[in-house]
Amino acid sequence: MFKLKKNATFLHDVPVQWPIDDGFEEVTLKTRYRVLDAETLRMHDDLMSEQGQNAFLRAAIVGFPAVIDDDGQPVPDDAALFDRILGLTFCRVPLLRTYQTAMTGARAKN
């Protein structure tokens, strides 16, 4: 049965390529997204600019519930963490891609 939920959210693992010496390390950024309706999506049609991407991600992301620091301690899931993650330019595209994939049901091809 289809249940129409108010303020629906979902949790997904976002694969991020973290730059390291001589390449990348794939890490997982657990991200809680909100389901946006068509009207809200239309307001965020500029995904080619950094400002447009950040505005969309601010609308689509509820938080990052499982981030740890260098010492393995949990980092508070707050506005400062959100700003720090969006400041990492290599995180934006994976965050966008994961949301779009989740909302369209698309599967990556091998």
PDB file of N, CA and C in Angstrom:
ATOM      1  N   MET A   1       0.846  -1.174   0.000  1.00  0.00           N
ATOM      2  CA  MET A   1       0.000   0.000   0.000  1.00  0.00           C
ATOM      3  C   MET A   1       0.891   1.238   0.000  1.00  0.00           C
ATOM      4  N   PHE A   2       0.525   2.207  -0.803  1.00  0.00           N
ATOM      5  CA  PHE A   2       1.251   3.468  -0.895  1.00  0.00           C
ATOM      6  C   PHE A   2       0.845   4.354   0.275  1.00  0.00           C
ATOM      7  N   LYS A   3       1.833   4.763   1.064  1.00  0.00           N
ATOM      8  CA  LYS A   3       1.559   5.629   2.209  1.00  0.00           C
ATOM      9  C   LYS A   3       2.151   7.001   1.918  1.00  0.00           C
ATOM     10  N   LEU A   4       1.337   8.017   1.900  1.00  0.00           N
ATOM     11  CA  LEU A   4       1.775   9.377   1.648  1.00  0.00           C
ATOM     12  C   LEU A   4       2.259   9.986   2.961  1.00  0.00           C
ATOM     13  N   LYS A   5       3.562  10.143   3.066  1.00  0.00           N
ATOM     14  CA  LYS A   5       4.162  10.605   4.315  1.00  0.00           C
ATOM     15  C   LYS A   5       4.424  12.107   4.274  1.00  0.00           C
ATOM     16  N   LYS A   6       4.170  12.757   5.392  1.00  0.00           N
ATOM     17  CA  LYS A   6       4.543  14.156   5.554  1.00  0.00           C
ATOM     18  C   LYS A   6       6.020  14.213   5.914  1.00  0.00           C
ATOM     19  N   ASN A   7       6.746  15.138   5.315  1.00  0.00           N
ATOM     20  CA  ASN A   7       8.158  15.354   5.656  1.00  0.00           C
ATOM     21  C   ASN A   7       8.979  14.071   5.557  1.00  0.00           C
ATOM     22  N   ALA A   8       8.807  13.339   4.473  1.00  0.00           N
ATOM     23  CA  ALA A   8       9.523  12.080   4.288  1.00  0.00           C
ATOM     24  C   ALA A   8      11.026  12.318   4.147  1.00  0.00           C
ATOM     25  N   THR A   9      11.797  11.456   4.788  1.00  0.00           N
ATOM     26  CA  THR A   9      13.255  11.494   4.677  1.00  0.00           C
ATOM     27  C   THR A   9      13.756  10.086   4.409  1.00  0.00           C
ATOM     28  N   PHE A  10      15.004  10.003   3.968  1.00  0.00           N
ATOM     29  CA  PHE A  10      15.639   8.710   3.756  1.00  0.00           C
ATOM     30  C   PHE A  10      17.139   8.842   3.985  1.00  0.00           C
ATOM     31  N   LEU A  11      17.735   7.754   4.413  1.00  0.00           N
ATOM     32  CA  LEU A  11      19.157   7.711   4.740  1.00  0.00           C
ATOM     33  C   LEU A  11      19.876   6.886   3.683  1.00  0.00           C
ATOM     34  N   HIS A  12      20.916   7.461   3.080  1.00  0.00           N
ATOM     35  CA  HIS A  12      21.693   6.752   2.073  1.00  0.00           C
ATOM     36  C   HIS A  12      23.184   6.919   2.350  1.00  0.00           C
ATOM     37  N   ASP A  13      23.934   5.903   1.943  1.00  0.00           N
ATOM     38  CA  ASP A  13      25.393   5.985   1.984  1.00  0.00           C
ATOM     39  C   ASP A  13      25.860   6.637   0.693  1.00  0.00           C
ATOM     40  N   VAL A  14      26.604   7.725   0.825  1.00  0.00           N
ATOM     41  CA  VAL A  14      27.122   8.445  -0.341  1.00  0.00           C
ATOM     42  C   VAL A  14      28.597   8.091  -0.499  1.00  0.00           C
ATOM     43  N   PRO A  15      28.970   7.459  -1.623  1.00  0.00           N
ATOM     44  CA  PRO A  15      30.381   7.153  -1.848  1.00  0.00           C
ATOM     45  C   PRO A  15      31.123   8.412  -2.292  1.00  0.00           C
ATOM     46  N   VAL A  16      32.161   8.767  -1.546  1.00  0.00           N
ATOM     47  CA  VAL A  16      32.948   9.966  -1.830  1.00  0.00           C
ATOM     48  C   VAL A  16      34.393   9.550  -2.076  1.00  0.00           C
ATOM     49  N   GLN A  17      34.983  10.092  -3.123  1.00  0.00           N
ATOM     50  CA  GLN A  17      36.396   9.856  -3.421  1.00  0.00           C
ATOM     51  C   GLN A  17      37.212  10.937  -2.713  1.00  0.00           C
ATOM     52  N   TRP A  18      37.808  10.584  -1.564  1.00  0.00           N
ATOM     53  CA  TRP A  18      38.607  11.532  -0.781  1.00  0.00           C
ATOM     54  C   TRP A  18      40.016  11.557  -1.359  1.00  0.00           C
ATOM     55  N   PRO A  19      40.510  12.739  -1.772  1.00  0.00           N
ATOM     56  CA  PRO A  19      41.850  12.804  -2.353  1.00  0.00           C
ATOM     57  C   PRO A  19      42.924  12.465  -1.315  1.00  0.00           C
ATOM     58  N   ILE A  20      43.860  11.613  -1.719  1.00  0.00           N
ATOM     59  CA  ILE A  20      45.019  11.267  -0.899  1.00  0.00           C
ATOM     60  C   ILE A  20      46.245  11.295  -1.807  1.00  0.00           C
ATOM     61  N   ASP A  21      47.428  11.133  -1.226  1.00  0.00           N
ATOM     62  CA  ASP A  21      48.635  11.045  -2.034  1.00  0.00           C
ATOM     63  C   ASP A  21      48.475   9.942  -3.066  1.00  0.00           C
ATOM     64  N   ASP A  22      48.787  10.233  -4.284  1.00  0.00           N
ATOM     65  CA  ASP A  22      48.755   9.246  -5.374  1.00  0.00           C
ATOM     66  C   ASP A  22      47.377   8.649  -5.635  1.00  0.00           C
ATOM     67  N   GLY A  23      46.306   9.412  -5.453  1.00  0.00           N
ATOM     68  CA  GLY A  23      44.993   8.884  -5.814  1.00  0.00           C
ATOM     69  C   GLY A  23      43.877   9.319  -4.912  1.00  0.00           C
ATOM     70  N   PHE A  24      42.987   8.356  -4.659  1.00  0.00           N
ATOM     71  CA  PHE A  24      41.786   8.615  -3.887  1.00  0.00           C
ATOM     72  C   PHE A  24      41.506   7.444  -2.967  1.00  0.00           C
ATOM     73  N   GLU A  25      40.813   7.760  -1.887  1.00  0.00           N
ATOM     74  CA  GLU A  25      40.301   6.730  -0.993  1.00  0.00           C
ATOM     75  C   GLU A  25      38.783   6.861  -1.000  1.00  0.00           C
ATOM     76  N   GLU A  26      38.076   5.765  -1.284  1.00  0.00           N
ATOM     77  CA  GLU A  26      36.619   5.842  -1.258  1.00  0.00           C
ATOM     78  C   GLU A  26      36.140   5.723   0.182  1.00  0.00           C
ATOM     79  N   VAL A  27      35.401   6.734   0.614  1.00  0.00           N
ATOM     80  CA  VAL A  27      34.819   6.757   1.954  1.00  0.00           C
ATOM     81  C   VAL A  27      33.313   6.891   1.814  1.00  0.00           C
ATOM     82  N   THR A  28      32.599   6.557   2.869  1.00  0.00           N
ATOM     83  CA  THR A  28      31.142   6.630   2.858  1.00  0.00           C
ATOM     84  C   THR A  28      30.682   7.781   3.749  1.00  0.00           C
ATOM     85  N   LEU A  29      29.856   8.632   3.185  1.00  0.00           N
ATOM     86  CA  LEU A  29      29.264   9.747   3.915  1.00  0.00           C
ATOM     87  C   LEU A  29      27.773   9.447   4.082  1.00  0.00           C
ATOM     88  N   LYS A  30      27.403   8.977   5.264  1.00  0.00           N
ATOM     89  CA  LYS A  30      25.997   8.669   5.538  1.00  0.00           C
ATOM     90  C   LYS A  30      25.228   9.992   5.560  1.00  0.00           C
ATOM     91  N   THR A  31      24.184  10.064   4.731  1.00  0.00           N
ATOM     92  CA  THR A  31      23.467  11.325   4.545  1.00  0.00           C
ATOM     93  C   THR A  31      21.964  11.091   4.647  1.00  0.00           C
ATOM     94  N   ARG A  32      21.306  11.936   5.452  1.00  0.00           N
ATOM     95  CA  ARG A  32      19.840  11.890   5.529  1.00  0.00           C
ATOM     96  C   ARG A  32      19.309  13.002   4.631  1.00  0.00           C
ATOM     97  N   TYR A  33      18.514  12.564   3.641  1.00  0.00           N
ATOM     98  CA  TYR A  33      17.897  13.483   2.682  1.00  0.00           C
ATOM     99  C   TYR A  33      16.413  13.630   2.992  1.00  0.00           C
ATOM    100  N   ARG A  34      15.838  14.718   2.492  1.00  0.00           N
ATOM    101  CA  ARG A  34      14.379  14.867   2.543  1.00  0.00           C
ATOM    102  C   ARG A  34      13.836  14.726   1.126  1.00  0.00           C
ATOM    103  N   VAL A  35      12.632  14.203   1.022  1.00  0.00           N
ATOM    104  CA  VAL A  35      11.967  14.087  -0.266  1.00  0.00           C
ATOM    105  C   VAL A  35      11.399  15.464  -0.612  1.00  0.00           C
ATOM    106  N   LEU A  36      11.848  16.008  -1.730  1.00  0.00           N
ATOM    107  CA  LEU A  36      11.374  17.317  -2.176  1.00  0.00           C
ATOM    108  C   LEU A  36      10.282  17.135  -3.222  1.00  0.00           C
ATOM    109  N   ASP A  37       9.263  17.981  -3.160  1.00  0.00           N
ATOM    110  CA  ASP A  37       8.201  17.901  -4.151  1.00  0.00           C
ATOM    111  C   ASP A  37       8.615  18.630  -5.433  1.00  0.00           C
ATOM    112  N   ALA A  38       7.830  18.452  -6.480  1.00  0.00           N
ATOM    113  CA  ALA A  38       8.165  19.004  -7.795  1.00  0.00           C
ATOM    114  C   ALA A  38       8.298  20.526  -7.760  1.00  0.00           C
ATOM    115  N   GLU A  39       7.446  21.187  -7.014  1.00  0.00           N
ATOM    116  CA  GLU A  39       7.500  22.653  -6.934  1.00  0.00           C
ATOM    117  C   GLU A  39       8.824  23.115  -6.325  1.00  0.00           C
ATOM    118  N   THR A  40       9.251  22.468  -5.274  1.00  0.00           N
ATOM    119  CA  THR A  40      10.520  22.822  -4.643  1.00  0.00           C
ATOM    120  C   THR A  40      11.684  22.523  -5.580  1.00  0.00           C
ATOM    121  N   LEU A  41      11.625  21.400  -6.272  1.00  0.00           N
ATOM    122  CA  LEU A  41      12.687  21.056  -7.225  1.00  0.00           C
ATOM    123  C   LEU A  41      12.811  22.105  -8.324  1.00  0.00           C
ATOM    124  N   ARG A  42      11.689  22.619  -8.805  1.00  0.00           N
ATOM    125  CA  ARG A  42      11.719  23.644  -9.859  1.00  0.00           C
ATOM    126  C   ARG A  42      12.423  24.913  -9.386  1.00  0.00           C
ATOM    127  N   MET A  43      12.371  25.188  -8.103  1.00  0.00           N
ATOM    128  CA  MET A  43      13.032  26.386  -7.562  1.00  0.00           C
ATOM    129  C   MET A  43      14.555  26.236  -7.569  1.00  0.00           C
ATOM    130  N   HIS A  44      15.034  25.014  -7.730  1.00  0.00           N
ATOM    131  CA  HIS A  44      16.471  24.730  -7.689  1.00  0.00           C
ATOM    132  C   HIS A  44      16.921  24.157  -9.024  1.00  0.00           C
ATOM    133  N   ASP A  45      16.808  24.977 -10.075  1.00  0.00           N
ATOM    134  CA  ASP A  45      17.129  24.488 -11.416  1.00  0.00           C
ATOM    135  C   ASP A  45      18.553  24.833 -11.856  1.00  0.00           C
ATOM    136  N   ASP A  46      19.309  25.536 -11.025  1.00  0.00           N
ATOM    137  CA  ASP A  46      20.680  25.911 -11.388  1.00  0.00           C
ATOM    138  C   ASP A  46      21.668  25.003 -10.669  1.00  0.00           C
ATOM    139  N   LEU A  47      21.897  23.822 -11.220  1.00  0.00           N
ATOM    140  CA  LEU A  47      22.851  22.898 -10.602  1.00  0.00           C
ATOM    141  C   LEU A  47      24.227  22.972 -11.247  1.00  0.00           C
ATOM    142  N   MET A  48      24.425  23.934 -12.139  1.00  0.00           N
ATOM    143  CA  MET A  48      25.721  24.078 -12.798  1.00  0.00           C
ATOM    144  C   MET A  48      26.658  25.009 -12.024  1.00  0.00           C
ATOM    145  N   SER A  49      26.116  25.803 -11.130  1.00  0.00           N
ATOM    146  CA  SER A  49      26.955  26.719 -10.354  1.00  0.00           C
ATOM    147  C   SER A  49      27.112  26.210  -8.927  1.00  0.00           C
ATOM    148  N   GLU A  50      28.171  26.639  -8.276  1.00  0.00           N
ATOM    149  CA  GLU A  50      28.393  26.263  -6.878  1.00  0.00           C
ATOM    150  C   GLU A  50      27.259  26.771  -6.005  1.00  0.00           C
ATOM    151  N   GLN A  51      26.810  27.986  -6.253  1.00  0.00           N
ATOM    152  CA  GLN A  51      25.724  28.551  -5.463  1.00  0.00           C
ATOM    153  C   GLN A  51      24.434  27.756  -5.646  1.00  0.00           C
ATOM    154  N   GLY A  52      24.140  27.371  -6.886  1.00  0.00           N
ATOM    155  CA  GLY A  52      22.940  26.594  -7.158  1.00  0.00           C
ATOM    156  C   GLY A  52      22.994  25.216  -6.530  1.00  0.00           C
ATOM    157  N   GLN A  53      24.169  24.573  -6.616  1.00  0.00           N
ATOM    158  CA  GLN A  53      24.333  23.260  -5.997  1.00  0.00           C
ATOM    159  C   GLN A  53      24.160  23.345  -4.489  1.00  0.00           C
ATOM    160  N   ASN A  54      24.801  24.344  -3.878  1.00  0.00           N
ATOM    161  CA  ASN A  54      24.704  24.487  -2.427  1.00  0.00           C
ATOM    162  C   ASN A  54      23.274  24.781  -1.984  1.00  0.00           C
ATOM    163  N   ALA A  55      22.560  25.615  -2.734  1.00  0.00           N
ATOM    164  CA  ALA A  55      21.170  25.918  -2.385  1.00  0.00           C
ATOM    165  C   ALA A  55      20.314  24.658  -2.473  1.00  0.00           C
ATOM    166  N   PHE A  56      20.505  23.870  -3.532  1.00  0.00           N
ATOM    167  CA  PHE A  56      19.745  22.627  -3.668  1.00  0.00           C
ATOM    168  C   PHE A  56      20.062  21.677  -2.524  1.00  0.00           C
ATOM    169  N   LEU A  57      21.354  21.497  -2.233  1.00  0.00           N
ATOM    170  CA  LEU A  57      21.744  20.565  -1.175  1.00  0.00           C
ATOM    171  C   LEU A  57      21.235  21.015   0.187  1.00  0.00           C
ATOM    172  N   ARG A  58      21.181  22.317   0.432  1.00  0.00           N
ATOM    173  CA  ARG A  58      20.613  22.807   1.694  1.00  0.00           C
ATOM    174  C   ARG A  58      19.128  22.453   1.797  1.00  0.00           C
ATOM    175  N   ALA A  59      18.429  22.467   0.674  1.00  0.00           N
ATOM    176  CA  ALA A  59      17.010  22.097   0.679  1.00  0.00           C
ATOM    177  C   ALA A  59      16.830  20.592   0.812  1.00  0.00           C
ATOM    178  N   ALA A  60      17.737  19.817   0.218  1.00  0.00           N
ATOM    179  CA  ALA A  60      17.550  18.365   0.126  1.00  0.00           C
ATOM    180  C   ALA A  60      18.131  17.582   1.292  1.00  0.00           C
ATOM    181  N   ILE A  61      19.112  18.141   1.991  1.00  0.00           N
ATOM    182  CA  ILE A  61      19.807  17.370   3.029  1.00  0.00           C
ATOM    183  C   ILE A  61      19.336  17.782   4.418  1.00  0.00           C
ATOM    184  N   VAL A  62      18.994  16.768   5.201  1.00  0.00           N
ATOM    185  CA  VAL A  62      18.621  16.979   6.596  1.00  0.00           C
ATOM    186  C   VAL A  62      19.868  17.010   7.463  1.00  0.00           C
ATOM    187  N   GLY A  63      20.808  16.104   7.188  1.00  0.00           N
ATOM    188  CA  GLY A  63      22.024  16.070   7.997  1.00  0.00           C
ATOM    189  C   GLY A  63      22.930  14.907   7.659  1.00  0.00           C
ATOM    190  N   PHE A  64      24.037  14.869   8.393  1.00  0.00           N
ATOM    191  CA  PHE A  64      25.065  13.846   8.237  1.00  0.00           C
ATOM    192  C   PHE A  64      25.269  13.179   9.602  1.00  0.00           C
ATOM    193  N   PRO A  65      24.538  12.098   9.885  1.00  0.00           N
ATOM    194  CA  PRO A  65      24.481  11.556  11.239  1.00  0.00           C
ATOM    195  C   PRO A  65      25.664  10.710  11.696  1.00  0.00           C
ATOM    196  N   ALA A  66      26.651  10.473  10.838  1.00  0.00           N
ATOM    197  CA  ALA A  66      27.702   9.538  11.251  1.00  0.00           C
ATOM    198  C   ALA A  66      29.093  10.010  10.843  1.00  0.00           C
ATOM    199  N   VAL A  67      29.412  11.265  11.134  1.00  0.00           N
ATOM    200  CA  VAL A  67      30.732  11.807  10.810  1.00  0.00           C
ATOM    201  C   VAL A  67      31.594  11.769  12.067  1.00  0.00           C
ATOM    202  N   ILE A  68      32.848  11.357  11.890  1.00  0.00           N
ATOM    203  CA  ILE A  68      33.785  11.324  13.017  1.00  0.00           C
ATOM    204  C   ILE A  68      34.976  12.219  12.702  1.00  0.00           C
ATOM    205  N   ASP A  69      35.690  12.623  13.748  1.00  0.00           N
ATOM    206  CA  ASP A  69      36.878  13.456  13.573  1.00  0.00           C
ATOM    207  C   ASP A  69      38.128  12.577  13.481  1.00  0.00           C
ATOM    208  N   ASP A  70      39.298  13.201  13.435  1.00  0.00           N
ATOM    209  CA  ASP A  70      40.566  12.471  13.324  1.00  0.00           C
ATOM    210  C   ASP A  70      40.793  11.492  14.466  1.00  0.00           C
ATOM    211  N   ASP A  71      40.188  11.760  15.617  1.00  0.00           N
ATOM    212  CA  ASP A  71      40.358  10.892  16.785  1.00  0.00           C
ATOM    213  C   ASP A  71      39.274   9.818  16.883  1.00  0.00           C
ATOM    214  N   GLY A  72      38.395   9.768  15.871  1.00  0.00           N
ATOM    215  CA  GLY A  72      37.324   8.772  15.889  1.00  0.00           C
ATOM    216  C   GLY A  72      36.124   9.169  16.723  1.00  0.00           C
ATOM    217  N   GLN A  73      36.077  10.424  17.145  1.00  0.00           N
ATOM    218  CA  GLN A  73      34.962  10.909  17.960  1.00  0.00           C
ATOM    219  C   GLN A  73      33.858  11.465  17.063  1.00  0.00           C
ATOM    220  N   PRO A  74      32.590  11.271  17.429  1.00  0.00           N
ATOM    221  CA  PRO A  74      31.484  11.804  16.626  1.00  0.00           C
ATOM    222  C   PRO A  74      31.532  13.328  16.546  1.00  0.00           C
ATOM    223  N   VAL A  75      31.226  13.839  15.368  1.00  0.00           N
ATOM    224  CA  VAL A  75      31.149  15.286  15.147  1.00  0.00           C
ATOM    225  C   VAL A  75      29.679  15.671  15.216  1.00  0.00           C
ATOM    226  N   PRO A  76      29.335  16.727  15.963  1.00  0.00           N
ATOM    227  CA  PRO A  76      27.923  17.135  16.049  1.00  0.00           C
ATOM    228  C   PRO A  76      27.345  17.413  14.663  1.00  0.00           C
ATOM    229  N   ASP A  77      26.154  16.899  14.433  1.00  0.00           N
ATOM    230  CA  ASP A  77      25.459  17.088  13.160  1.00  0.00           C
ATOM    231  C   ASP A  77      24.723  18.424  13.219  1.00  0.00           C
ATOM    232  N   ASP A  78      25.446  19.480  12.880  1.00  0.00           N
ATOM    233  CA  ASP A  78      24.888  20.823  12.993  1.00  0.00           C
ATOM    234  C   ASP A  78      25.230  21.643  11.751  1.00  0.00           C
ATOM    235  N   ALA A  79      24.892  22.932  11.783  1.00  0.00           N
ATOM    236  CA  ALA A  79      25.122  23.808  10.635  1.00  0.00           C
ATOM    237  C   ALA A  79      26.611  23.936  10.309  1.00  0.00           C
ATOM    238  N   ALA A  80      27.462  23.932  11.312  1.00  0.00           N
ATOM    239  CA  ALA A  80      28.900  24.038  11.063  1.00  0.00           C
ATOM    240  C   ALA A  80      29.405  22.825  10.293  1.00  0.00           C
ATOM    241  N   LEU A  81      28.946  21.638  10.663  1.00  0.00           N
ATOM    242  CA  LEU A  81      29.341  20.428   9.935  1.00  0.00           C
ATOM    243  C   LEU A  81      28.826  20.498   8.504  1.00  0.00           C
ATOM    244  N   PHE A  82      27.594  20.908   8.325  1.00  0.00           N
ATOM    245  CA  PHE A  82      27.021  21.036   6.989  1.00  0.00           C
ATOM    246  C   PHE A  82      27.887  21.947   6.128  1.00  0.00           C
ATOM    247  N   ASP A  83      28.251  23.104   6.654  1.00  0.00           N
ATOM    248  CA  ASP A  83      29.087  24.055   5.912  1.00  0.00           C
ATOM    249  C   ASP A  83      30.459  23.471   5.592  1.00  0.00           C
ATOM    250  N   ARG A  84      31.041  22.744   6.520  1.00  0.00           N
ATOM    251  CA  ARG A  84      32.356  22.137   6.287  1.00  0.00           C
ATOM    252  C   ARG A  84      32.286  21.098   5.174  1.00  0.00           C
ATOM    253  N   ILE A  85      31.251  20.278   5.183  1.00  0.00           N
ATOM    254  CA  ILE A  85      31.136  19.239   4.150  1.00  0.00           C
ATOM    255  C   ILE A  85      30.872  19.863   2.787  1.00  0.00           C
ATOM    256  N   LEU A  86      29.982  20.850   2.706  1.00  0.00           N
ATOM    257  CA  LEU A  86      29.744  21.495   1.419  1.00  0.00           C
ATOM    258  C   LEU A  86      30.963  22.274   0.945  1.00  0.00           C
ATOM    259  N   GLY A  87      31.822  22.670   1.860  1.00  0.00           N
ATOM    260  CA  GLY A  87      33.062  23.342   1.495  1.00  0.00           C
ATOM    261  C   GLY A  87      34.077  22.413   0.847  1.00  0.00           C
ATOM    262  N   LEU A  88      33.883  21.119   1.004  1.00  0.00           N
ATOM    263  CA  LEU A  88      34.744  20.138   0.348  1.00  0.00           C
ATOM    264  C   LEU A  88      34.166  19.916  -1.048  1.00  0.00           C
ATOM    265  N   THR A  89      34.766  20.535  -2.035  1.00  0.00           N
ATOM    266  CA  THR A  89      34.186  20.545  -3.376  1.00  0.00           C
ATOM    267  C   THR A  89      33.969  19.148  -3.940  1.00  0.00           C
ATOM    268  N   PHE A  90      34.771  18.188  -3.530  1.00  0.00           N
ATOM    269  CA  PHE A  90      34.630  16.828  -4.054  1.00  0.00           C
ATOM    270  C   PHE A  90      33.441  16.080  -3.444  1.00  0.00           C
ATOM    271  N   CYS A  91      32.740  16.700  -2.499  1.00  0.00           N
ATOM    272  CA  CYS A  91      31.546  16.075  -1.901  1.00  0.00           C
ATOM    273  C   CYS A  91      30.256  16.450  -2.615  1.00  0.00           C
ATOM    274  N   ARG A  92      30.223  17.613  -3.250  1.00  0.00           N
ATOM    275  CA  ARG A  92      28.959  18.106  -3.810  1.00  0.00           C
ATOM    276  C   ARG A  92      28.367  17.196  -4.881  1.00  0.00           C
ATOM    277  N   VAL A  93      29.170  16.803  -5.867  1.00  0.00           N
ATOM    278  CA  VAL A  93      28.629  15.975  -6.953  1.00  0.00           C
ATOM    279  C   VAL A  93      28.136  14.620  -6.440  1.00  0.00           C
ATOM    280  N   PRO A  94      28.888  13.911  -5.589  1.00  0.00           N
ATOM    281  CA  PRO A  94      28.343  12.655  -5.065  1.00  0.00           C
ATOM    282  C   PRO A  94      27.047  12.844  -4.268  1.00  0.00           C
ATOM    283  N   LEU A  95      26.936  13.938  -3.528  1.00  0.00           N
ATOM    284  CA  LEU A  95      25.702  14.201  -2.782  1.00  0.00           C
ATOM    285  C   LEU A  95      24.529  14.434  -3.738  1.00  0.00           C
ATOM    286  N   LEU A  96      24.763  15.199  -4.798  1.00  0.00           N
ATOM    287  CA  LEU A  96      23.730  15.436  -5.803  1.00  0.00           C
ATOM    288  C   LEU A  96      23.361  14.142  -6.520  1.00  0.00           C
ATOM    289  N   ARG A  97      24.366  13.398  -6.940  1.00  0.00           N
ATOM    290  CA  ARG A  97      24.134  12.166  -7.696  1.00  0.00           C
ATOM    291  C   ARG A  97      23.340  11.151  -6.864  1.00  0.00           C
ATOM    292  N   THR A  98      23.696  11.012  -5.597  1.00  0.00           N
ATOM    293  CA  THR A  98      22.999  10.040  -4.746  1.00  0.00           C
ATOM    294  C   THR A  98      21.539  10.428  -4.573  1.00  0.00           C
ATOM    295  N   TYR A  99      21.266  11.708  -4.386  1.00  0.00           N
ATOM    296  CA  TYR A  99      19.873  12.152  -4.253  1.00  0.00           C
ATOM    297  C   TYR A  99      19.097  11.857  -5.536  1.00  0.00           C
ATOM    298  N   GLN A 100      19.671  12.242  -6.670  1.00  0.00           N
ATOM    299  CA  GLN A 100      18.980  12.045  -7.944  1.00  0.00           C
ATOM    300  C   GLN A 100      18.736  10.566  -8.221  1.00  0.00           C
ATOM    301  N   THR A 101      19.704   9.727  -7.920  1.00  0.00           N
ATOM    302  CA  THR A 101      19.554   8.294  -8.118  1.00  0.00           C
ATOM    303  C   THR A 101      18.445   7.737  -7.228  1.00  0.00           C
ATOM    304  N   ALA A 102      18.439   8.169  -5.972  1.00  0.00           N
ATOM    305  CA  ALA A 102      17.413   7.696  -5.051  1.00  0.00           C
ATOM    306  C   ALA A 102      16.013   8.108  -5.495  1.00  0.00           C
ATOM    307  N   MET A 103      15.894   9.321  -5.998  1.00  0.00           N
ATOM    308  CA  MET A 103      14.577   9.824  -6.365  1.00  0.00           C
ATOM    309  C   MET A 103      14.068   9.268  -7.692  1.00  0.00           C
ATOM    310  N   THR A 104      14.975   8.869  -8.575  1.00  0.00           N
ATOM    311  CA  THR A 104      14.538   8.359  -9.877  1.00  0.00           C
ATOM    312  C   THR A 104      14.564   6.846  -9.932  1.00  0.00           C
ATOM    313  N   GLY A 105      15.214   6.222  -8.962  1.00  0.00           N
ATOM    314  CA  GLY A 105      15.303   4.772  -8.964  1.00  0.00           C
ATOM    315  C   GLY A 105      16.299   4.248  -9.971  1.00  0.00           C
ATOM    316  N   ALA A 106      17.118   5.146 -10.525  1.00  0.00           N
ATOM    317  CA  ALA A 106      18.111   4.721 -11.525  1.00  0.00           C
ATOM    318  C   ALA A 106      19.191   3.892 -10.884  1.00  0.00           C
ATOM    319  N   ARG A 107      19.668   2.934 -11.633  1.00  0.00           N
ATOM    320  CA  ARG A 107      20.762   2.085 -11.173  1.00  0.00           C
ATOM    321  C   ARG A 107      21.973   2.331 -12.040  1.00  0.00           C
ATOM    322  N   ALA A 108      23.139   2.337 -11.418  1.00  0.00           N
ATOM    323  CA  ALA A 108      24.372   2.542 -12.170  1.00  0.00           C
ATOM    324  C   ALA A 108      24.643   1.342 -13.065  1.00  0.00           C
ATOM    325  N   LYS A 109      25.131   1.606 -14.268  1.00  0.00           N
ATOM    326  CA  LYS A 109      25.467   0.539 -15.192  1.00  0.00           C
ATOM    327  C   LYS A 109      26.916   0.140 -14.998  1.00  0.00           C
ATOM    328  N   ASN A 110      27.199  -1.148 -15.198  1.00  0.00           N
ATOM    329  CA  ASN A 110      28.579  -1.625 -15.118  1.00  0.00           C
ATOM    330  C   ASN A 110      29.274  -1.449 -16.438  1.00  0.00           C
TER     331      ASN A 110
END
